[in-house]
Amino acid sequence: MSEKRPDARTTRAADLMHLNAMALEETEQSLHDSADGRADPEAAERLNRLADSMTETARDIAARARDLSDPGSPRP
């Protein structure tokens, strides 16, 4: 049985999803950096929680992109 390869549109979508995941990771780091500079510990904690949730979202997007680009690979 031959494995189905993704078409150009699917590959493009996966590439864009990877770029979005990377952008979220960069934003996440910026939020952590901003939290480090806060005098208010509650504000810093909120920023860190927001950054952590962005990391989770980025990981989910990246996993979905991998599924699109390589449908036969198992998801972690």
PDB file of N, CA and C in Angstrom:
ATOM      1  N   MET A   1       0.840  -1.176   0.000  1.00  0.00           N
ATOM      2  CA  MET A   1       0.000   0.000   0.000  1.00  0.00           C
ATOM      3  C   MET A   1       0.885   1.239   0.000  1.00  0.00           C
ATOM      4  N   SER A   2       0.627   2.178  -0.890  1.00  0.00           N
ATOM      5  CA  SER A   2       1.435   3.389  -0.948  1.00  0.00           C
ATOM      6  C   SER A   2       0.909   4.413   0.047  1.00  0.00           C
ATOM      7  N   GLU A   3       1.855   5.134   0.634  1.00  0.00           N
ATOM      8  CA  GLU A   3       1.479   6.162   1.603  1.00  0.00           C
ATOM      9  C   GLU A   3       1.143   7.443   0.858  1.00  0.00           C
ATOM     10  N   LYS A   4       0.056   8.088   1.230  1.00  0.00           N
ATOM     11  CA  LYS A   4      -0.371   9.305   0.571  1.00  0.00           C
ATOM     12  C   LYS A   4       0.518  10.468   0.994  1.00  0.00           C
ATOM     13  N   ARG A   5       1.025  11.196   0.004  1.00  0.00           N
ATOM     14  CA  ARG A   5       1.868  12.361   0.276  1.00  0.00           C
ATOM     15  C   ARG A   5       0.990  13.604   0.301  1.00  0.00           C
ATOM     16  N   PRO A   6       1.319  14.560   1.155  1.00  0.00           N
ATOM     17  CA  PRO A   6       0.512  15.787   1.208  1.00  0.00           C
ATOM     18  C   PRO A   6       0.633  16.583  -0.090  1.00  0.00           C
ATOM     19  N   ASP A   7      -0.460  17.224  -0.499  1.00  0.00           N
ATOM     20  CA  ASP A   7      -0.415  18.055  -1.699  1.00  0.00           C
ATOM     21  C   ASP A   7       0.198  19.418  -1.350  1.00  0.00           C
ATOM     22  N   ALA A   8       0.384  20.259  -2.357  1.00  0.00           N
ATOM     23  CA  ALA A   8       1.058  21.547  -2.172  1.00  0.00           C
ATOM     24  C   ALA A   8       0.309  22.453  -1.192  1.00  0.00           C
ATOM     25  N   ARG A   9      -1.015  22.451  -1.244  1.00  0.00           N
ATOM     26  CA  ARG A   9      -1.794  23.297  -0.333  1.00  0.00           C
ATOM     27  C   ARG A   9      -1.640  22.829   1.106  1.00  0.00           C
ATOM     28  N   THR A  10      -1.635  21.523   1.297  1.00  0.00           N
ATOM     29  CA  THR A  10      -1.469  20.977   2.641  1.00  0.00           C
ATOM     30  C   THR A  10      -0.071  21.274   3.165  1.00  0.00           C
ATOM     31  N   THR A  11       0.924  21.146   2.289  1.00  0.00           N
ATOM     32  CA  THR A  11       2.295  21.457   2.679  1.00  0.00           C
ATOM     33  C   THR A  11       2.424  22.927   3.048  1.00  0.00           C
ATOM     34  N   ARG A  12       1.821  23.787   2.264  1.00  0.00           N
ATOM     35  CA  ARG A  12       1.852  25.240   2.545  1.00  0.00           C
ATOM     36  C   ARG A  12       1.177  25.531   3.877  1.00  0.00           C
ATOM     37  N   ALA A  13       0.050  24.910   4.134  1.00  0.00           N
ATOM     38  CA  ALA A  13      -0.652  25.111   5.405  1.00  0.00           C
ATOM     39  C   ALA A  13       0.225  24.664   6.577  1.00  0.00           C
ATOM     40  N   ALA A  14       0.869  23.520   6.427  1.00  0.00           N
ATOM     41  CA  ALA A  14       1.753  23.017   7.488  1.00  0.00           C
ATOM     42  C   ALA A  14       2.918  23.975   7.710  1.00  0.00           C
ATOM     43  N   ASP A  15       3.491  24.491   6.613  1.00  0.00           N
ATOM     44  CA  ASP A  15       4.598  25.452   6.735  1.00  0.00           C
ATOM     45  C   ASP A  15       4.155  26.707   7.483  1.00  0.00           C
ATOM     46  N   LEU A  16       2.985  27.225   7.139  1.00  0.00           N
ATOM     47  CA  LEU A  16       2.467  28.411   7.814  1.00  0.00           C
ATOM     48  C   LEU A  16       2.172  28.133   9.287  1.00  0.00           C
ATOM     49  N   MET A  17       1.675  26.955   9.568  1.00  0.00           N
ATOM     50  CA  MET A  17       1.422  26.592  10.961  1.00  0.00           C
ATOM     51  C   MET A  17       2.729  26.545  11.751  1.00  0.00           C
ATOM     52  N   HIS A  18       3.786  26.002  11.155  1.00  0.00           N
ATOM     53  CA  HIS A  18       5.094  25.984  11.811  1.00  0.00           C
ATOM     54  C   HIS A  18       5.578  27.412  12.078  1.00  0.00           C
ATOM     55  N   LEU A  19       5.409  28.300  11.107  1.00  0.00           N
ATOM     56  CA  LEU A  19       5.805  29.696  11.301  1.00  0.00           C
ATOM     57  C   LEU A  19       5.012  30.346  12.428  1.00  0.00           C
ATOM     58  N   ASN A  20       3.726  30.073  12.486  1.00  0.00           N
ATOM     59  CA  ASN A  20       2.905  30.621  13.564  1.00  0.00           C
ATOM     60  C   ASN A  20       3.352  30.093  14.918  1.00  0.00           C
ATOM     61  N   ALA A  21       3.681  28.825  14.983  1.00  0.00           N
ATOM     62  CA  ALA A  21       4.153  28.243  16.242  1.00  0.00           C
ATOM     63  C   ALA A  21       5.456  28.908  16.676  1.00  0.00           C
ATOM     64  N   MET A  22       6.354  29.149  15.714  1.00  0.00           N
ATOM     65  CA  MET A  22       7.617  29.810  16.056  1.00  0.00           C
ATOM     66  C   MET A  22       7.368  31.246  16.536  1.00  0.00           C
ATOM     67  N   ALA A  23       6.436  31.945  15.902  1.00  0.00           N
ATOM     68  CA  ALA A  23       6.114  33.311  16.322  1.00  0.00           C
ATOM     69  C   ALA A  23       5.543  33.318  17.739  1.00  0.00           C
ATOM     70  N   LEU A  24       4.699  32.351  18.044  1.00  0.00           N
ATOM     71  CA  LEU A  24       4.163  32.253  19.403  1.00  0.00           C
ATOM     72  C   LEU A  24       5.268  31.996  20.419  1.00  0.00           C
ATOM     73  N   GLU A  25       6.229  31.171  20.057  1.00  0.00           N
ATOM     74  CA  GLU A  25       7.353  30.899  20.964  1.00  0.00           C
ATOM     75  C   GLU A  25       8.171  32.170  21.210  1.00  0.00           C
ATOM     76  N   GLU A  26       8.371  32.974  20.179  1.00  0.00           N
ATOM     77  CA  GLU A  26       9.098  34.226  20.349  1.00  0.00           C
ATOM     78  C   GLU A  26       8.321  35.187  21.243  1.00  0.00           C
ATOM     79  N   THR A  27       7.013  35.249  21.043  1.00  0.00           N
ATOM     80  CA  THR A  27       6.174  36.105  21.877  1.00  0.00           C
ATOM     81  C   THR A  27       6.186  35.616  23.316  1.00  0.00           C
ATOM     82  N   GLU A  28       6.174  34.308  23.483  1.00  0.00           N
ATOM     83  CA  GLU A  28       6.233  33.714  24.824  1.00  0.00           C
ATOM     84  C   GLU A  28       7.503  34.166  25.540  1.00  0.00           C
ATOM     85  N   GLN A  29       8.628  34.135  24.855  1.00  0.00           N
ATOM     86  CA  GLN A  29       9.887  34.558  25.483  1.00  0.00           C
ATOM     87  C   GLN A  29       9.834  36.038  25.846  1.00  0.00           C
ATOM     88  N   SER A  30       9.258  36.844  24.972  1.00  0.00           N
ATOM     89  CA  SER A  30       9.123  38.271  25.246  1.00  0.00           C
ATOM     90  C   SER A  30       8.266  38.512  26.493  1.00  0.00           C
ATOM     91  N   LEU A  31       7.197  37.746  26.642  1.00  0.00           N
ATOM     92  CA  LEU A  31       6.346  37.890  27.828  1.00  0.00           C
ATOM     93  C   LEU A  31       7.088  37.486  29.098  1.00  0.00           C
ATOM     94  N   HIS A  32       7.861  36.412  29.035  1.00  0.00           N
ATOM     95  CA  HIS A  32       8.660  36.019  30.203  1.00  0.00           C
ATOM     96  C   HIS A  32       9.673  37.109  30.550  1.00  0.00           C
ATOM     97  N   ASP A  33      10.304  37.679  29.531  1.00  0.00           N
ATOM     98  CA  ASP A  33      11.263  38.764  29.769  1.00  0.00           C
ATOM     99  C   ASP A  33      10.571  39.960  30.415  1.00  0.00           C
ATOM    100  N   SER A  34       9.384  40.285  29.933  1.00  0.00           N
ATOM    101  CA  SER A  34       8.624  41.389  30.493  1.00  0.00           C
ATOM    102  C   SER A  34       8.236  41.100  31.943  1.00  0.00           C
ATOM    103  N   ALA A  35       7.861  39.863  32.207  1.00  0.00           N
ATOM    104  CA  ALA A  35       7.496  39.474  33.577  1.00  0.00           C
ATOM    105  C   ALA A  35       8.676  39.636  34.519  1.00  0.00           C
ATOM    106  N   ASP A  36       9.868  39.312  34.025  1.00  0.00           N
ATOM    107  CA  ASP A  36      11.070  39.432  34.857  1.00  0.00           C
ATOM    108  C   ASP A  36      11.330  40.873  35.280  1.00  0.00           C
ATOM    109  N   GLY A  37      10.888  41.821  34.478  1.00  0.00           N
ATOM    110  CA  GLY A  37      11.126  43.228  34.790  1.00  0.00           C
ATOM    111  C   GLY A  37      10.027  43.896  35.596  1.00  0.00           C
ATOM    112  N   ARG A  38       9.004  43.158  35.962  1.00  0.00           N
ATOM    113  CA  ARG A  38       7.871  43.737  36.698  1.00  0.00           C
ATOM    114  C   ARG A  38       8.160  43.841  38.184  1.00  0.00           C
ATOM    115  N   ALA A  39       7.799  44.986  38.753  1.00  0.00           N
ATOM    116  CA  ALA A  39       7.923  45.161  40.200  1.00  0.00           C
ATOM    117  C   ALA A  39       6.760  44.482  40.928  1.00  0.00           C
ATOM    118  N   ASP A  40       5.626  44.409  40.265  1.00  0.00           N
ATOM    119  CA  ASP A  40       4.425  43.802  40.851  1.00  0.00           C
ATOM    120  C   ASP A  40       4.460  42.296  40.621  1.00  0.00           C
ATOM    121  N   PRO A  41       4.614  41.501  41.690  1.00  0.00           N
ATOM    122  CA  PRO A  41       4.710  40.049  41.516  1.00  0.00           C
ATOM    123  C   PRO A  41       3.444  39.420  40.932  1.00  0.00           C
ATOM    124  N   GLU A  42       2.283  40.001  41.216  1.00  0.00           N
ATOM    125  CA  GLU A  42       1.036  39.460  40.657  1.00  0.00           C
ATOM    126  C   GLU A  42       0.989  39.673  39.143  1.00  0.00           C
ATOM    127  N   ALA A  43       1.417  40.845  38.702  1.00  0.00           N
ATOM    128  CA  ALA A  43       1.455  41.113  37.256  1.00  0.00           C
ATOM    129  C   ALA A  43       2.463  40.188  36.581  1.00  0.00           C
ATOM    130  N   ALA A  44       3.600  39.990  37.228  1.00  0.00           N
ATOM    131  CA  ALA A  44       4.618  39.089  36.676  1.00  0.00           C
ATOM    132  C   ALA A  44       4.076  37.672  36.558  1.00  0.00           C
ATOM    133  N   GLU A  45       3.355  37.231  37.565  1.00  0.00           N
ATOM    134  CA  GLU A  45       2.778  35.881  37.538  1.00  0.00           C
ATOM    135  C   GLU A  45       1.756  35.740  36.410  1.00  0.00           C
ATOM    136  N   ARG A  46       0.934  36.758  36.212  1.00  0.00           N
ATOM    137  CA  ARG A  46      -0.052  36.716  35.119  1.00  0.00           C
ATOM    138  C   ARG A  46       0.645  36.637  33.766  1.00  0.00           C
ATOM    139  N   LEU A  47       1.694  37.433  33.598  1.00  0.00           N
ATOM    140  CA  LEU A  47       2.437  37.389  32.333  1.00  0.00           C
ATOM    141  C   LEU A  47       3.083  36.024  32.113  1.00  0.00           C
ATOM    142  N   ASN A  48       3.639  35.462  33.171  1.00  0.00           N
ATOM    143  CA  ASN A  48       4.251  34.130  33.045  1.00  0.00           C
ATOM    144  C   ASN A  48       3.213  33.069  32.707  1.00  0.00           C
ATOM    145  N   ARG A  49       2.037  33.145  33.307  1.00  0.00           N
ATOM    146  CA  ARG A  49       0.969  32.177  32.990  1.00  0.00           C
ATOM    147  C   ARG A  49       0.524  32.330  31.538  1.00  0.00           C
ATOM    148  N   LEU A  50       0.391  33.576  31.095  1.00  0.00           N
ATOM    149  CA  LEU A  50       0.008  33.817  29.704  1.00  0.00           C
ATOM    150  C   LEU A  50       1.076  33.254  28.763  1.00  0.00           C
ATOM    151  N   ALA A  51       2.331  33.506  29.084  1.00  0.00           N
ATOM    152  CA  ALA A  51       3.428  32.988  28.261  1.00  0.00           C
ATOM    153  C   ALA A  51       3.404  31.466  28.218  1.00  0.00           C
ATOM    154  N   ASP A  52       3.169  30.834  29.349  1.00  0.00           N
ATOM    155  CA  ASP A  52       3.113  29.371  29.387  1.00  0.00           C
ATOM    156  C   ASP A  52       1.962  28.827  28.543  1.00  0.00           C
ATOM    157  N   SER A  53       0.831  29.514  28.577  1.00  0.00           N
ATOM    158  CA  SER A  53      -0.301  29.047  27.760  1.00  0.00           C
ATOM    159  C   SER A  53       0.007  29.221  26.269  1.00  0.00           C
ATOM    160  N   MET A  54       0.780  30.242  25.926  1.00  0.00           N
ATOM    161  CA  MET A  54       1.179  30.419  24.526  1.00  0.00           C
ATOM    162  C   MET A  54       2.095  29.285  24.088  1.00  0.00           C
ATOM    163  N   THR A  55       2.955  28.834  24.990  1.00  0.00           N
ATOM    164  CA  THR A  55       3.833  27.708  24.674  1.00  0.00           C
ATOM    165  C   THR A  55       3.014  26.460  24.394  1.00  0.00           C
ATOM    166  N   GLU A  56       2.006  26.208  25.208  1.00  0.00           N
ATOM    167  CA  GLU A  56       1.145  25.042  24.986  1.00  0.00           C
ATOM    168  C   GLU A  56       0.445  25.142  23.639  1.00  0.00           C
ATOM    169  N   THR A  57      -0.041  26.334  23.311  1.00  0.00           N
ATOM    170  CA  THR A  57      -0.704  26.530  22.026  1.00  0.00           C
ATOM    171  C   THR A  57       0.282  26.315  20.873  1.00  0.00           C
ATOM    172  N   ALA A  58       1.489  26.845  21.012  1.00  0.00           N
ATOM    173  CA  ALA A  58       2.506  26.671  19.967  1.00  0.00           C
ATOM    174  C   ALA A  58       2.827  25.197  19.766  1.00  0.00           C
ATOM    175  N   ARG A  59       2.938  24.445  20.845  1.00  0.00           N
ATOM    176  CA  ARG A  59       3.220  23.009  20.732  1.00  0.00           C
ATOM    177  C   ARG A  59       2.084  22.284  20.032  1.00  0.00           C
ATOM    178  N   ASP A  60       0.856  22.654  20.339  1.00  0.00           N
ATOM    179  CA  ASP A  60      -0.293  22.022  19.695  1.00  0.00           C
ATOM    180  C   ASP A  60      -0.315  22.332  18.202  1.00  0.00           C
ATOM    181  N   ILE A  61      -0.051  23.583  17.855  1.00  0.00           N
ATOM    182  CA  ILE A  61      -0.026  23.965  16.439  1.00  0.00           C
ATOM    183  C   ILE A  61       1.089  23.210  15.712  1.00  0.00           C
ATOM    184  N   ALA A  62       2.257  23.131  16.321  1.00  0.00           N
ATOM    185  CA  ALA A  62       3.379  22.431  15.688  1.00  0.00           C
ATOM    186  C   ALA A  62       3.062  20.952  15.493  1.00  0.00           C
ATOM    187  N   ALA A  63       2.415  20.340  16.474  1.00  0.00           N
ATOM    188  CA  ALA A  63       2.046  18.925  16.350  1.00  0.00           C
ATOM    189  C   ALA A  63       1.031  18.726  15.218  1.00  0.00           C
ATOM    190  N   ARG A  64       0.081  19.618  15.117  1.00  0.00           N
ATOM    191  CA  ARG A  64      -0.906  19.527  14.037  1.00  0.00           C
ATOM    192  C   ARG A  64      -0.241  19.725  12.672  1.00  0.00           C
ATOM    193  N   ALA A  65       0.722  20.623  12.618  1.00  0.00           N
ATOM    194  CA  ALA A  65       1.451  20.850  11.367  1.00  0.00           C
ATOM    195  C   ALA A  65       2.235  19.601  10.976  1.00  0.00           C
ATOM    196  N   ARG A  66       2.853  18.955  11.964  1.00  0.00           N
ATOM    197  CA  ARG A  66       3.573  17.700  11.676  1.00  0.00           C
ATOM    198  C   ARG A  66       2.605  16.647  11.160  1.00  0.00           C
ATOM    199  N   ASP A  67       1.421  16.584  11.762  1.00  0.00           N
ATOM    200  CA  ASP A  67       0.415  15.617  11.299  1.00  0.00           C
ATOM    201  C   ASP A  67       0.029  15.875   9.843  1.00  0.00           C
ATOM    202  N   LEU A  68      -0.074  17.156   9.467  1.00  0.00           N
ATOM    203  CA  LEU A  68      -0.414  17.482   8.084  1.00  0.00           C
ATOM    204  C   LEU A  68       0.710  17.103   7.123  1.00  0.00           C
ATOM    205  N   SER A  69       1.942  17.422   7.531  1.00  0.00           N
ATOM    206  CA  SER A  69       3.057  17.205   6.615  1.00  0.00           C
ATOM    207  C   SER A  69       3.511  15.757   6.571  1.00  0.00           C
ATOM    208  N   ASP A  70       3.238  14.994   7.642  1.00  0.00           N
ATOM    209  CA  ASP A  70       3.620  13.581   7.686  1.00  0.00           C
ATOM    210  C   ASP A  70       2.493  12.796   8.369  1.00  0.00           C
ATOM    211  N   PRO A  71       1.416  12.520   7.633  1.00  0.00           N
ATOM    212  CA  PRO A  71       0.247  11.890   8.238  1.00  0.00           C
ATOM    213  C   PRO A  71       0.513  10.521   8.846  1.00  0.00           C
ATOM    214  N   GLY A  72       1.603   9.867   8.488  1.00  0.00           N
ATOM    215  CA  GLY A  72       1.897   8.551   9.019  1.00  0.00           C
ATOM    216  C   GLY A  72       2.657   8.559  10.323  1.00  0.00           C
ATOM    217  N   SER A  73       3.128   9.744  10.747  1.00  0.00           N
ATOM    218  CA  SER A  73       3.926   9.787  11.973  1.00  0.00           C
ATOM    219  C   SER A  73       3.037   9.786  13.208  1.00  0.00           C
ATOM    220  N   PRO A  74       3.473   9.057  14.237  1.00  0.00           N
ATOM    221  CA  PRO A  74       2.692   9.037  15.480  1.00  0.00           C
ATOM    222  C   PRO A  74       2.838  10.353  16.235  1.00  0.00           C
ATOM    223  N   ARG A  75       1.794  10.749  16.895  1.00  0.00           N
ATOM    224  CA  ARG A  75       1.800  11.970  17.702  1.00  0.00           C
ATOM    225  C   ARG A  75       2.331  11.657  19.079  1.00  0.00           C
ATOM    226  N   PRO A  76       3.198  12.546  19.623  1.00  0.00           N
ATOM    227  CA  PRO A  76       3.722  12.289  20.986  1.00  0.00           C
ATOM    228  C   PRO A  76       2.667  12.419  22.046  1.00  0.00           C
TER     229      PRO A  76
END
